[in-house]
Amino acid sequence: MEEAASSTIEKIFLTLKSPDGDEIELEESIVIQSVTIKNMVEDGCSCSVIPLSNIDIETLIKIIDYLKMHSSTSSNEEEIKNFDKEFVRIGFKTIFKILEAANFLDINSLLELCAEAVANKIKNKTSQVVRKIFNITSDFNPEEEAEIRNKTPWAFEGDPDHSLD
C-alpha cells in the first residue's frame, strides 16, 4: 500500500520568468538545485512564478538543460561527465553569462564548471590577451611595463591568439 501511495505523490511545478516575459515551467525538484530559488520556496517568498530579471532566456534555457541533466535519476556519472564537457564547448560570452547567472542563482556545481572552463580558455594566453578579454586597463606606463618585461620575460610568454571560441 505504501508503495502505491508514494507513486501518486503530486509533483509541484514552478515557473521561471525571463526579463522578456518568457516563461518556463519546471518541476520544483529540478529548480531547487538553485539555493537562491530553494530559499525563496522554503521562505514562502515565491508564488508559482519566479521572476529572474537579470537572466536572459537563452542563458536560462542552458541553465535548465544543466539542471535537468544533473537532477535526472536516469543519468549516470559518465553521461553527466560527457554532458558537462559538451556544455562548456560554447563561446566565452555565453559561458560568462552562465557563470554570472549561476552565481546569482547559487548553483555551485555550475559555477565551478563554468569557472574552470573560463580558466581553461585563458590558460597560456599572454597578459595582453587576458587584459583584452576582461577589458582590463594596464596599471603600468610603457617604461614600467618594459622594465617588468626585462625582469620577468616568462610572465609575458603565452599564446597571443585572441580567439576564445
N, C-alpha and C. Protein backbone atom coordinates (compact mmCIF):
# COMPACT_ATOMS: atom_id res chain seq x y z
N MET A 1 0.81 -1.19 0.00
CA MET A 1 0.00 0.00 0.00
C MET A 1 0.85 1.26 0.00
N GLU A 2 1.91 1.23 0.80
CA GLU A 2 2.77 2.40 0.91
C GLU A 2 3.41 2.75 -0.43
N GLU A 3 3.81 1.71 -1.18
CA GLU A 3 4.44 1.93 -2.48
C GLU A 3 3.48 2.63 -3.43
N ALA A 4 2.24 2.24 -3.45
CA ALA A 4 1.24 2.86 -4.32
C ALA A 4 1.03 4.32 -3.93
N ALA A 5 1.04 4.59 -2.65
CA ALA A 5 0.85 5.97 -2.18
C ALA A 5 2.01 6.85 -2.61
N SER A 6 3.24 6.34 -2.55
CA SER A 6 4.40 7.15 -2.92
C SER A 6 4.45 7.42 -4.42
N SER A 7 3.88 6.53 -5.22
CA SER A 7 3.91 6.75 -6.67
C SER A 7 2.85 7.76 -7.11
N THR A 8 1.92 8.09 -6.24
CA THR A 8 0.89 9.05 -6.60
C THR A 8 1.16 10.43 -6.00
N ILE A 9 2.37 10.65 -5.51
CA ILE A 9 2.71 11.96 -4.96
C ILE A 9 2.63 13.00 -6.08
N GLU A 10 1.92 14.07 -5.78
CA GLU A 10 1.72 15.12 -6.77
C GLU A 10 3.00 15.93 -6.95
N LYS A 11 3.40 16.13 -8.18
CA LYS A 11 4.59 16.94 -8.47
C LYS A 11 4.22 18.41 -8.41
N ILE A 12 5.14 19.19 -7.85
CA ILE A 12 4.93 20.64 -7.75
C ILE A 12 5.73 21.29 -8.87
N PHE A 13 5.12 22.24 -9.54
CA PHE A 13 5.77 22.93 -10.64
C PHE A 13 5.96 24.40 -10.29
N LEU A 14 7.07 24.95 -10.77
CA LEU A 14 7.36 26.37 -10.64
C LEU A 14 7.61 26.92 -12.03
N THR A 15 7.33 28.19 -12.20
CA THR A 15 7.57 28.83 -13.48
C THR A 15 8.66 29.88 -13.32
N LEU A 16 9.66 29.79 -14.17
CA LEU A 16 10.73 30.78 -14.20
C LEU A 16 10.42 31.76 -15.31
N LYS A 17 10.56 33.04 -15.00
CA LYS A 17 10.19 34.08 -15.97
C LYS A 17 11.40 34.95 -16.28
N SER A 18 11.73 35.04 -17.57
CA SER A 18 12.86 35.86 -18.03
C SER A 18 12.46 37.33 -18.08
N PRO A 19 13.43 38.23 -18.22
CA PRO A 19 13.11 39.67 -18.31
C PRO A 19 12.22 40.01 -19.50
N ASP A 20 12.27 39.20 -20.56
CA ASP A 20 11.44 39.45 -21.74
C ASP A 20 10.02 38.91 -21.58
N GLY A 21 9.75 38.28 -20.45
CA GLY A 21 8.42 37.75 -20.20
C GLY A 21 8.24 36.30 -20.60
N ASP A 22 9.30 35.68 -21.14
CA ASP A 22 9.22 34.26 -21.48
C ASP A 22 9.15 33.46 -20.19
N GLU A 23 8.30 32.43 -20.20
CA GLU A 23 8.13 31.61 -19.01
C GLU A 23 8.42 30.15 -19.33
N ILE A 24 9.10 29.49 -18.37
CA ILE A 24 9.39 28.08 -18.50
C ILE A 24 8.94 27.39 -17.21
N GLU A 25 8.08 26.38 -17.38
CA GLU A 25 7.57 25.66 -16.22
C GLU A 25 8.39 24.39 -16.01
N LEU A 26 8.81 24.19 -14.76
CA LEU A 26 9.64 23.03 -14.41
C LEU A 26 9.20 22.44 -13.09
N GLU A 27 9.56 21.19 -12.90
CA GLU A 27 9.31 20.56 -11.60
C GLU A 27 10.15 21.28 -10.55
N GLU A 28 9.56 21.46 -9.39
CA GLU A 28 10.25 22.12 -8.29
C GLU A 28 11.54 21.37 -7.94
N SER A 29 11.52 20.05 -8.03
CA SER A 29 12.70 19.25 -7.67
C SER A 29 13.90 19.58 -8.54
N ILE A 30 13.67 20.03 -9.76
CA ILE A 30 14.76 20.42 -10.66
C ILE A 30 15.25 21.83 -10.31
N VAL A 31 14.32 22.73 -10.12
CA VAL A 31 14.63 24.15 -9.91
C VAL A 31 15.32 24.41 -8.58
N ILE A 32 15.00 23.62 -7.56
CA ILE A 32 15.57 23.91 -6.23
C ILE A 32 17.03 23.47 -6.10
N GLN A 33 17.64 23.04 -7.20
CA GLN A 33 19.09 22.88 -7.19
C GLN A 33 19.76 24.25 -7.04
N SER A 34 19.01 25.28 -7.36
CA SER A 34 19.45 26.66 -7.11
C SER A 34 19.14 26.98 -5.66
N VAL A 35 20.18 27.29 -4.89
CA VAL A 35 19.99 27.63 -3.48
C VAL A 35 19.13 28.88 -3.34
N THR A 36 19.30 29.82 -4.24
CA THR A 36 18.51 31.05 -4.21
C THR A 36 17.02 30.74 -4.34
N ILE A 37 16.66 29.94 -5.32
CA ILE A 37 15.25 29.59 -5.53
C ILE A 37 14.75 28.69 -4.41
N LYS A 38 15.57 27.75 -3.98
CA LYS A 38 15.19 26.87 -2.87
C LYS A 38 14.84 27.70 -1.63
N ASN A 39 15.67 28.70 -1.31
CA ASN A 39 15.40 29.55 -0.16
C ASN A 39 14.11 30.35 -0.33
N MET A 40 13.87 30.82 -1.55
CA MET A 40 12.63 31.55 -1.83
C MET A 40 11.41 30.66 -1.59
N VAL A 41 11.49 29.42 -2.05
CA VAL A 41 10.39 28.48 -1.90
C VAL A 41 10.19 28.15 -0.41
N GLU A 42 11.28 27.85 0.28
CA GLU A 42 11.18 27.49 1.70
C GLU A 42 10.68 28.64 2.57
N ASP A 43 11.04 29.86 2.19
CA ASP A 43 10.62 31.03 2.96
C ASP A 43 9.23 31.53 2.56
N GLY A 44 8.63 30.89 1.56
CA GLY A 44 7.31 31.29 1.10
C GLY A 44 7.31 32.61 0.34
N CYS A 45 8.48 33.00 -0.16
CA CYS A 45 8.60 34.28 -0.87
C CYS A 45 8.21 34.18 -2.33
N SER A 46 7.99 32.98 -2.78
CA SER A 46 7.67 32.85 -4.20
C SER A 46 6.29 32.24 -4.36
N CYS A 47 5.62 32.71 -5.37
CA CYS A 47 4.40 32.03 -5.75
C CYS A 47 4.83 31.03 -6.81
N SER A 48 4.01 30.66 -7.70
CA SER A 48 4.41 29.68 -8.70
C SER A 48 5.26 30.30 -9.82
N VAL A 49 5.31 31.65 -9.91
CA VAL A 49 6.12 32.30 -10.93
C VAL A 49 7.28 33.03 -10.25
N ILE A 50 8.49 32.69 -10.69
CA ILE A 50 9.68 33.31 -10.12
C ILE A 50 10.33 34.17 -11.19
N PRO A 51 10.29 35.50 -11.01
CA PRO A 51 10.92 36.38 -11.99
C PRO A 51 12.43 36.38 -11.85
N LEU A 52 13.12 36.22 -12.95
CA LEU A 52 14.58 36.25 -12.98
C LEU A 52 14.99 37.42 -13.88
N SER A 53 14.95 38.59 -13.32
CA SER A 53 15.09 39.83 -14.09
C SER A 53 16.46 40.04 -14.72
N ASN A 54 17.46 39.29 -14.30
CA ASN A 54 18.80 39.51 -14.85
C ASN A 54 19.34 38.32 -15.64
N ILE A 55 18.47 37.39 -16.03
CA ILE A 55 18.92 36.22 -16.79
C ILE A 55 18.11 36.13 -18.07
N ASP A 56 18.77 36.33 -19.22
CA ASP A 56 18.04 36.27 -20.49
C ASP A 56 17.61 34.84 -20.79
N ILE A 57 16.67 34.70 -21.69
CA ILE A 57 16.04 33.41 -21.96
C ILE A 57 17.03 32.37 -22.50
N GLU A 58 17.98 32.79 -23.35
CA GLU A 58 18.95 31.83 -23.89
C GLU A 58 19.81 31.25 -22.77
N THR A 59 20.23 32.11 -21.86
CA THR A 59 21.05 31.67 -20.73
C THR A 59 20.21 30.78 -19.81
N LEU A 60 18.98 31.16 -19.58
CA LEU A 60 18.09 30.39 -18.73
C LEU A 60 17.86 28.99 -19.30
N ILE A 61 17.69 28.88 -20.59
CA ILE A 61 17.50 27.57 -21.23
C ILE A 61 18.72 26.69 -21.03
N LYS A 62 19.91 27.27 -21.20
CA LYS A 62 21.15 26.50 -20.98
C LYS A 62 21.22 26.01 -19.53
N ILE A 63 20.89 26.88 -18.59
CA ILE A 63 20.93 26.51 -17.17
C ILE A 63 19.92 25.40 -16.88
N ILE A 64 18.75 25.50 -17.46
CA ILE A 64 17.73 24.48 -17.26
C ILE A 64 18.19 23.13 -17.81
N ASP A 65 18.83 23.14 -18.97
CA ASP A 65 19.38 21.90 -19.53
C ASP A 65 20.36 21.27 -18.54
N TYR A 66 21.21 22.12 -17.97
CA TYR A 66 22.19 21.64 -16.99
C TYR A 66 21.47 21.06 -15.77
N LEU A 67 20.50 21.78 -15.23
CA LEU A 67 19.79 21.33 -14.04
C LEU A 67 19.05 20.01 -14.30
N LYS A 68 18.45 19.90 -15.47
CA LYS A 68 17.73 18.66 -15.80
C LYS A 68 18.70 17.48 -15.84
N MET A 69 19.83 17.65 -16.48
CA MET A 69 20.80 16.56 -16.56
C MET A 69 21.31 16.18 -15.17
N HIS A 70 21.56 17.18 -14.36
CA HIS A 70 22.13 16.92 -13.04
C HIS A 70 21.09 16.47 -12.02
N SER A 71 19.82 16.53 -12.36
CA SER A 71 18.79 16.06 -11.43
C SER A 71 18.22 14.73 -11.87
N SER A 72 18.51 14.35 -13.06
CA SER A 72 17.93 13.14 -13.63
C SER A 72 18.45 11.90 -12.92
N THR A 73 17.54 11.07 -12.48
CA THR A 73 17.93 9.83 -11.81
C THR A 73 18.40 8.80 -12.82
N SER A 74 18.07 9.01 -14.08
CA SER A 74 18.48 8.05 -15.11
C SER A 74 19.88 8.35 -15.64
N SER A 75 20.44 9.49 -15.29
CA SER A 75 21.78 9.84 -15.77
C SER A 75 22.83 9.23 -14.85
N ASN A 76 23.82 8.61 -15.48
CA ASN A 76 24.92 8.09 -14.68
C ASN A 76 26.09 9.07 -14.72
N GLU A 77 27.11 8.79 -13.93
CA GLU A 77 28.25 9.72 -13.83
C GLU A 77 28.92 9.97 -15.17
N GLU A 78 29.03 8.93 -15.98
CA GLU A 78 29.68 9.06 -17.29
C GLU A 78 28.86 9.98 -18.20
N GLU A 79 27.54 9.82 -18.20
CA GLU A 79 26.67 10.68 -19.01
C GLU A 79 26.79 12.14 -18.57
N ILE A 80 26.80 12.35 -17.26
CA ILE A 80 26.92 13.71 -16.74
C ILE A 80 28.27 14.31 -17.10
N LYS A 81 29.32 13.53 -16.98
CA LYS A 81 30.68 13.99 -17.32
C LYS A 81 30.74 14.40 -18.79
N ASN A 82 30.19 13.58 -19.68
CA ASN A 82 30.18 13.89 -21.11
C ASN A 82 29.31 15.11 -21.40
N PHE A 83 28.17 15.21 -20.73
CA PHE A 83 27.29 16.36 -20.89
C PHE A 83 28.04 17.64 -20.50
N ASP A 84 28.68 17.61 -19.34
CA ASP A 84 29.40 18.79 -18.85
C ASP A 84 30.50 19.21 -19.83
N LYS A 85 31.20 18.24 -20.38
CA LYS A 85 32.28 18.53 -21.33
C LYS A 85 31.73 19.24 -22.56
N GLU A 86 30.60 18.77 -23.07
CA GLU A 86 29.96 19.40 -24.23
C GLU A 86 29.32 20.74 -23.87
N PHE A 87 28.78 20.81 -22.66
CA PHE A 87 28.07 22.01 -22.21
C PHE A 87 28.96 23.24 -22.27
N VAL A 88 30.23 23.11 -21.94
CA VAL A 88 31.13 24.27 -21.91
C VAL A 88 31.86 24.49 -23.23
N ARG A 89 31.52 23.74 -24.25
CA ARG A 89 32.09 23.98 -25.59
C ARG A 89 31.26 25.03 -26.31
N ILE A 90 31.24 26.20 -25.69
CA ILE A 90 30.48 27.33 -26.22
C ILE A 90 31.36 28.56 -26.15
N GLY A 91 30.90 29.63 -26.70
CA GLY A 91 31.68 30.85 -26.72
C GLY A 91 31.89 31.44 -25.33
N PHE A 92 32.94 32.22 -25.23
CA PHE A 92 33.32 32.84 -23.95
C PHE A 92 32.20 33.70 -23.39
N LYS A 93 31.56 34.48 -24.22
CA LYS A 93 30.49 35.37 -23.74
C LYS A 93 29.34 34.58 -23.14
N THR A 94 28.98 33.48 -23.76
CA THR A 94 27.90 32.64 -23.25
C THR A 94 28.29 32.00 -21.93
N ILE A 95 29.51 31.49 -21.85
CA ILE A 95 29.97 30.90 -20.59
C ILE A 95 29.95 31.95 -19.49
N PHE A 96 30.38 33.15 -19.81
CA PHE A 96 30.42 34.20 -18.80
C PHE A 96 29.00 34.57 -18.32
N LYS A 97 28.04 34.59 -19.25
CA LYS A 97 26.64 34.86 -18.86
C LYS A 97 26.13 33.76 -17.93
N ILE A 98 26.44 32.52 -18.27
CA ILE A 98 26.01 31.39 -17.44
C ILE A 98 26.70 31.45 -16.07
N LEU A 99 27.97 31.81 -16.09
CA LEU A 99 28.73 31.94 -14.85
C LEU A 99 28.09 32.98 -13.93
N GLU A 100 27.75 34.13 -14.47
CA GLU A 100 27.10 35.17 -13.68
C GLU A 100 25.74 34.71 -13.15
N ALA A 101 24.97 34.04 -14.00
CA ALA A 101 23.65 33.56 -13.59
C ALA A 101 23.78 32.47 -12.52
N ALA A 102 24.75 31.58 -12.69
CA ALA A 102 24.97 30.51 -11.70
C ALA A 102 25.36 31.11 -10.36
N ASN A 103 26.12 32.18 -10.39
CA ASN A 103 26.48 32.87 -9.16
C ASN A 103 25.24 33.47 -8.50
N PHE A 104 24.42 34.15 -9.29
CA PHE A 104 23.19 34.75 -8.76
C PHE A 104 22.24 33.68 -8.21
N LEU A 105 22.08 32.59 -8.96
CA LEU A 105 21.17 31.53 -8.55
C LEU A 105 21.76 30.61 -7.49
N ASP A 106 23.03 30.77 -7.23
CA ASP A 106 23.75 29.94 -6.25
C ASP A 106 23.65 28.46 -6.61
N ILE A 107 24.16 28.16 -7.81
CA ILE A 107 24.26 26.77 -8.27
C ILE A 107 25.76 26.48 -8.33
N ASN A 108 26.29 26.02 -7.22
CA ASN A 108 27.73 25.90 -7.06
C ASN A 108 28.39 25.00 -8.09
N SER A 109 27.79 23.86 -8.40
CA SER A 109 28.41 22.94 -9.36
C SER A 109 28.51 23.57 -10.74
N LEU A 110 27.51 24.33 -11.15
CA LEU A 110 27.53 25.02 -12.45
C LEU A 110 28.53 26.17 -12.42
N LEU A 111 28.59 26.87 -11.32
CA LEU A 111 29.56 27.95 -11.15
C LEU A 111 30.98 27.41 -11.29
N GLU A 112 31.26 26.31 -10.64
CA GLU A 112 32.59 25.70 -10.73
C GLU A 112 32.90 25.21 -12.14
N LEU A 113 31.93 24.60 -12.78
CA LEU A 113 32.13 24.11 -14.15
C LEU A 113 32.48 25.26 -15.10
N CYS A 114 31.74 26.35 -15.01
CA CYS A 114 31.98 27.49 -15.89
C CYS A 114 33.27 28.22 -15.54
N ALA A 115 33.59 28.33 -14.26
CA ALA A 115 34.84 28.96 -13.86
C ALA A 115 36.04 28.17 -14.38
N GLU A 116 35.94 26.86 -14.32
CA GLU A 116 37.01 26.01 -14.86
C GLU A 116 37.12 26.18 -16.37
N ALA A 117 35.99 26.29 -17.04
CA ALA A 117 36.00 26.49 -18.50
C ALA A 117 36.66 27.82 -18.86
N VAL A 118 36.34 28.88 -18.12
CA VAL A 118 36.96 30.19 -18.36
C VAL A 118 38.47 30.09 -18.12
N ALA A 119 38.85 29.45 -17.03
CA ALA A 119 40.28 29.29 -16.72
C ALA A 119 40.99 28.54 -17.84
N ASN A 120 40.36 27.49 -18.35
CA ASN A 120 40.97 26.72 -19.44
C ASN A 120 41.08 27.54 -20.72
N LYS A 121 40.11 28.43 -20.95
CA LYS A 121 40.14 29.25 -22.16
C LYS A 121 41.23 30.32 -22.11
N ILE A 122 41.56 30.80 -20.91
CA ILE A 122 42.60 31.84 -20.83
C ILE A 122 43.97 31.27 -20.48
N LYS A 123 44.01 29.98 -20.21
CA LYS A 123 45.27 29.32 -19.88
C LYS A 123 46.27 29.49 -21.03
N ASN A 124 47.47 29.85 -20.67
CA ASN A 124 48.58 30.03 -21.61
C ASN A 124 48.39 31.21 -22.57
N LYS A 125 47.47 32.11 -22.27
CA LYS A 125 47.31 33.32 -23.08
C LYS A 125 48.26 34.39 -22.53
N THR A 126 48.66 35.29 -23.37
CA THR A 126 49.53 36.39 -22.92
C THR A 126 48.74 37.33 -22.02
N SER A 127 49.46 38.10 -21.24
CA SER A 127 48.79 39.05 -20.34
C SER A 127 47.99 40.08 -21.15
N GLN A 128 48.49 40.45 -22.32
CA GLN A 128 47.76 41.40 -23.15
C GLN A 128 46.42 40.82 -23.61
N VAL A 129 46.42 39.54 -23.97
CA VAL A 129 45.19 38.90 -24.41
C VAL A 129 44.20 38.81 -23.25
N VAL A 130 44.68 38.44 -22.08
CA VAL A 130 43.81 38.34 -20.91
C VAL A 130 43.23 39.72 -20.57
N ARG A 131 44.07 40.75 -20.66
CA ARG A 131 43.56 42.11 -20.42
C ARG A 131 42.45 42.46 -21.41
N LYS A 132 42.67 42.11 -22.66
CA LYS A 132 41.68 42.43 -23.69
C LYS A 132 40.37 41.65 -23.44
N ILE A 133 40.49 40.38 -23.09
CA ILE A 133 39.32 39.54 -22.84
C ILE A 133 38.45 40.13 -21.74
N PHE A 134 39.09 40.54 -20.64
CA PHE A 134 38.35 41.03 -19.48
C PHE A 134 38.24 42.55 -19.44
N ASN A 135 38.70 43.19 -20.52
CA ASN A 135 38.62 44.65 -20.62
C ASN A 135 39.33 45.33 -19.44
N ILE A 136 40.57 44.90 -19.19
CA ILE A 136 41.38 45.42 -18.09
C ILE A 136 42.41 46.40 -18.65
N THR A 137 42.46 47.57 -18.08
CA THR A 137 43.45 48.56 -18.47
C THR A 137 44.72 48.32 -17.66
N SER A 138 45.85 48.38 -18.32
CA SER A 138 47.13 48.17 -17.63
C SER A 138 47.38 49.30 -16.65
N ASP A 139 47.90 48.94 -15.49
CA ASP A 139 48.26 49.93 -14.46
C ASP A 139 49.64 50.53 -14.72
N PHE A 140 50.36 49.96 -15.64
CA PHE A 140 51.75 50.36 -15.87
C PHE A 140 51.87 51.31 -17.05
N ASN A 141 52.79 52.26 -16.93
CA ASN A 141 53.11 53.08 -18.09
C ASN A 141 54.08 52.26 -18.94
N PRO A 142 54.35 52.68 -20.17
CA PRO A 142 55.20 51.88 -21.06
C PRO A 142 56.59 51.60 -20.48
N GLU A 143 57.18 52.54 -19.77
CA GLU A 143 58.51 52.32 -19.19
C GLU A 143 58.46 51.25 -18.10
N GLU A 144 57.44 51.31 -17.26
CA GLU A 144 57.30 50.32 -16.18
C GLU A 144 57.06 48.93 -16.76
N GLU A 145 56.24 48.85 -17.79
CA GLU A 145 55.97 47.55 -18.39
C GLU A 145 57.22 46.99 -19.05
N ALA A 146 58.01 47.84 -19.70
CA ALA A 146 59.26 47.39 -20.32
C ALA A 146 60.20 46.85 -19.25
N GLU A 147 60.27 47.52 -18.12
CA GLU A 147 61.14 47.08 -17.02
C GLU A 147 60.69 45.71 -16.50
N ILE A 148 59.39 45.53 -16.34
CA ILE A 148 58.86 44.26 -15.87
C ILE A 148 59.11 43.16 -16.90
N ARG A 149 58.96 43.50 -18.18
CA ARG A 149 59.23 42.52 -19.24
C ARG A 149 60.69 42.05 -19.20
N ASN A 150 61.60 42.97 -18.92
CA ASN A 150 63.02 42.60 -18.86
C ASN A 150 63.31 41.73 -17.65
N LYS A 151 62.69 42.03 -16.50
CA LYS A 151 62.94 41.28 -15.27
C LYS A 151 62.26 39.92 -15.26
N THR A 152 61.07 39.84 -15.85
CA THR A 152 60.29 38.59 -15.82
C THR A 152 59.72 38.27 -17.20
N PRO A 153 60.59 37.94 -18.15
CA PRO A 153 60.08 37.66 -19.50
C PRO A 153 59.12 36.48 -19.55
N TRP A 154 59.27 35.53 -18.65
CA TRP A 154 58.38 34.37 -18.62
C TRP A 154 56.92 34.78 -18.37
N ALA A 155 56.70 35.90 -17.70
CA ALA A 155 55.34 36.34 -17.40
C ALA A 155 54.62 36.85 -18.64
N PHE A 156 55.36 37.08 -19.71
CA PHE A 156 54.76 37.62 -20.93
C PHE A 156 54.73 36.59 -22.05
N GLU A 157 55.09 35.36 -21.71
CA GLU A 157 55.00 34.28 -22.68
C GLU A 157 53.57 33.78 -22.73
N GLY A 158 53.22 33.17 -23.82
CA GLY A 158 51.88 32.61 -23.93
C GLY A 158 51.36 32.73 -25.33
N ASP A 159 50.18 32.21 -25.51
CA ASP A 159 49.53 32.19 -26.80
C ASP A 159 48.94 33.57 -27.10
N PRO A 160 49.39 34.23 -28.16
CA PRO A 160 48.86 35.56 -28.48
C PRO A 160 47.51 35.51 -29.21
N ASP A 161 46.97 34.31 -29.38
CA ASP A 161 45.69 34.16 -30.09
C ASP A 161 44.58 34.77 -29.27
N HIS A 162 43.82 35.67 -29.88
CA HIS A 162 42.72 36.37 -29.21
C HIS A 162 41.43 35.56 -29.24
N SER A 163 41.35 34.53 -30.05
CA SER A 163 40.09 33.82 -30.18
C SER A 163 39.86 32.93 -28.96
N LEU A 164 38.61 32.89 -28.53
CA LEU A 164 38.25 32.09 -27.37
C LEU A 164 37.14 31.09 -27.68
N ASP A 165 36.64 31.13 -28.85
CA ASP A 165 35.52 30.23 -29.17
C ASP A 165 36.00 28.95 -29.78
